[in-house]
Amino acid sequence: MAKLAKKKKSLSGLGARYGIKPRKQFTQVHRVLKSTRKCPECGSLKFGREAVGIWSCKKCAFKVAGSAYDVKL
């Protein structure tokens, strides 16, 4: 029996819908959104998005406002 190829994680929710261009754009934004970031205060890798435009560190509780999908400090 042949082994099936694994699907890309970021496209798994879309399936074969919407066309290739929106799926590629979704993948690019999703990869940036879910990437690991370093906290500017404590340096830990637990810095992530809490809500749209609100980024916080789970270790030191440092909060900063940034853009929706990526934070530029």
Protein backbone atom coordinates (compact mmCIF):
# COMPACT_ATOMS: atom_id res chain seq x y z
CA MET A 1 0.00 0.00 0.00
CA ALA A 2 1.34 3.42 -0.98
CA LYS A 3 2.04 6.06 1.61
CA LEU A 4 -0.07 9.21 1.26
CA ALA A 5 1.62 12.59 1.25
CA LYS A 6 0.91 14.80 4.24
CA LYS A 7 -1.08 17.97 3.67
CA LYS A 8 0.36 21.34 4.53
CA LYS A 9 -0.90 22.34 7.96
CA SER A 10 -1.83 25.91 7.08
CA LEU A 11 -3.96 24.89 4.08
CA SER A 12 -5.71 21.97 5.72
CA GLY A 13 -8.77 24.01 6.71
CA LEU A 14 -9.44 25.37 3.23
CA GLY A 15 -9.49 22.17 1.19
CA ALA A 16 -9.87 22.60 -2.57
CA ARG A 17 -11.94 25.77 -2.29
CA TYR A 18 -11.27 29.43 -3.16
CA GLY A 19 -8.56 28.99 -5.84
CA ILE A 20 -4.80 28.93 -5.62
CA LYS A 21 -4.06 32.67 -5.19
CA PRO A 22 -6.15 33.22 -2.02
CA ARG A 23 -4.84 29.95 -0.56
CA LYS A 24 -1.24 31.03 -1.14
CA GLN A 25 -1.93 34.42 0.44
CA PHE A 26 -3.58 32.70 3.41
CA THR A 27 -0.57 30.41 3.78
CA GLN A 28 1.86 33.32 3.75
CA VAL A 29 -0.09 35.31 6.37
CA HIS A 30 -0.67 32.22 8.50
CA ARG A 31 3.05 31.33 8.49
CA VAL A 32 3.98 34.87 9.63
CA LEU A 33 1.24 34.89 12.28
CA LYS A 34 2.18 31.54 13.83
CA SER A 35 5.97 31.99 13.78
CA THR A 36 7.86 32.11 17.08
CA ARG A 37 8.94 35.52 18.32
CA LYS A 38 11.32 36.73 20.98
CA CYS A 39 9.99 38.96 23.75
CA PRO A 40 11.67 42.39 23.67
CA GLU A 41 11.62 42.60 27.49
CA CYS A 42 12.71 39.20 28.81
CA GLY A 43 13.99 37.48 25.66
CA SER A 44 11.83 34.36 25.96
CA LEU A 45 10.19 32.71 22.95
CA LYS A 46 6.69 32.89 24.44
CA PHE A 47 5.74 36.13 22.73
CA GLY A 48 2.56 35.85 20.67
CA ARG A 49 -0.68 37.42 19.56
CA GLU A 50 -3.38 37.75 22.19
CA ALA A 51 -5.97 39.51 19.99
CA VAL A 52 -5.94 41.51 16.77
CA GLY A 53 -3.16 44.07 17.24
CA ILE A 54 -2.33 43.05 20.84
CA TRP A 55 0.87 41.09 21.39
CA SER A 56 1.91 39.77 24.80
CA CYS A 57 4.52 37.62 26.49
CA LYS A 58 3.22 34.66 28.47
CA LYS A 59 6.27 34.66 30.72
CA CYS A 60 6.66 38.29 31.84
CA ALA A 61 3.18 39.66 30.87
CA PHE A 62 4.70 42.40 28.67
CA LYS A 63 2.07 43.81 26.27
CA VAL A 64 2.50 45.90 23.17
CA ALA A 65 0.23 47.11 20.38
CA GLY A 66 1.24 46.25 16.84
CA SER A 67 -0.22 45.31 13.51
CA ALA A 68 -2.74 42.52 13.04
CA TYR A 69 -0.51 39.73 11.73
CA ASP A 70 3.03 40.76 12.68
CA VAL A 71 4.57 43.00 15.31
CA LYS A 72 7.34 45.42 14.39
CA LEU A 73 9.29 46.72 17.37
